[in-house]
Protein backbone atom coordinates (compact mmCIF):
# COMPACT_ATOMS: atom_id res chain seq x y z
CA UNK A 1 -10.78 -36.71 -67.56
CA UNK A 2 -10.46 -40.28 -66.59
CA UNK A 3 -9.63 -41.14 -63.02
CA UNK A 4 -6.46 -42.91 -61.65
CA UNK A 5 -8.20 -46.20 -61.52
CA UNK A 6 -9.30 -45.92 -65.00
CA UNK A 7 -5.88 -45.15 -66.26
CA UNK A 8 -4.56 -47.96 -64.37
CA UNK A 9 -7.48 -50.49 -65.58
CA UNK A 10 -6.67 -49.36 -69.02
CA UNK A 11 -3.06 -50.03 -68.43
CA UNK A 12 -3.73 -53.44 -67.05
CA UNK A 13 -6.05 -54.41 -69.91
CA UNK A 14 -2.97 -53.37 -72.24
CA UNK A 15 -0.77 -55.33 -70.38
CA UNK A 16 -2.82 -58.58 -70.73
CA UNK A 17 -3.29 -57.96 -74.37
CA UNK A 18 0.60 -57.23 -74.89
CA UNK A 19 1.62 -60.37 -72.71
CA UNK A 20 -0.64 -62.57 -75.12
CA UNK A 21 0.73 -61.09 -78.30
CA UNK A 22 4.17 -61.52 -76.99
CA UNK A 23 3.63 -65.34 -76.32
CA UNK A 24 2.06 -65.69 -79.80
CA UNK A 25 5.21 -63.85 -81.32
CA UNK A 26 7.60 -66.28 -79.36
CA UNK A 27 5.57 -69.43 -80.26
CA UNK A 28 5.76 -68.09 -83.96
CA UNK A 29 9.50 -67.20 -83.75
CA UNK A 30 8.63 -63.76 -84.95
CA UNK A 31 11.65 -62.04 -83.50
CA UNK A 32 11.16 -58.52 -84.73
CA UNK A 33 7.57 -58.40 -83.84
CA UNK A 34 8.48 -59.80 -80.28
CA UNK A 35 11.13 -57.07 -79.92
CA UNK A 36 8.51 -54.35 -80.70
CA UNK A 37 5.91 -55.65 -78.30
CA UNK A 38 8.40 -55.88 -75.73
CA UNK A 39 9.23 -52.35 -75.87
CA UNK A 40 5.39 -51.67 -75.26
CA UNK A 41 5.59 -54.20 -72.44
CA UNK A 42 8.27 -52.39 -70.65
CA UNK A 43 6.68 -49.18 -70.89
CA UNK A 44 3.13 -50.42 -69.66
CA UNK A 45 4.88 -52.25 -66.73
CA UNK A 46 6.72 -49.27 -65.78
CA UNK A 47 3.49 -47.37 -65.52
CA UNK A 48 1.80 -50.00 -63.53
CA UNK A 49 4.85 -50.06 -61.27
CA UNK A 50 4.71 -46.35 -60.75
CA UNK A 51 1.03 -46.69 -60.18
CA UNK A 52 1.67 -49.21 -57.09
CA UNK A 53 0.46 -52.29 -59.02
CA UNK A 54 2.06 -55.37 -57.89
CA UNK A 55 2.62 -57.46 -61.14
CA UNK A 56 3.90 -60.73 -59.41
CA UNK A 57 1.09 -62.82 -60.09
CA UNK A 58 0.08 -61.29 -63.31
CA UNK A 59 3.26 -60.80 -65.16
CA UNK A 60 3.56 -64.02 -67.30
CA UNK A 61 6.53 -62.97 -69.26
CA UNK A 62 8.56 -61.88 -66.31
CA UNK A 63 11.17 -59.85 -68.25
């Protein structure tokens, strides 16, 4: 079973990837793709907030 730090690291890695994909979708004006990615972004952001991660410096999207 993964430890809390391993779960947090995985969530941070996913958060970084989702933000990259969101920026690409926004650039390409892929509104449906962006909307789906935003759902995942908000879920991961909530998980990280509950885990006590301060997202101020790493949240590029800031939504």
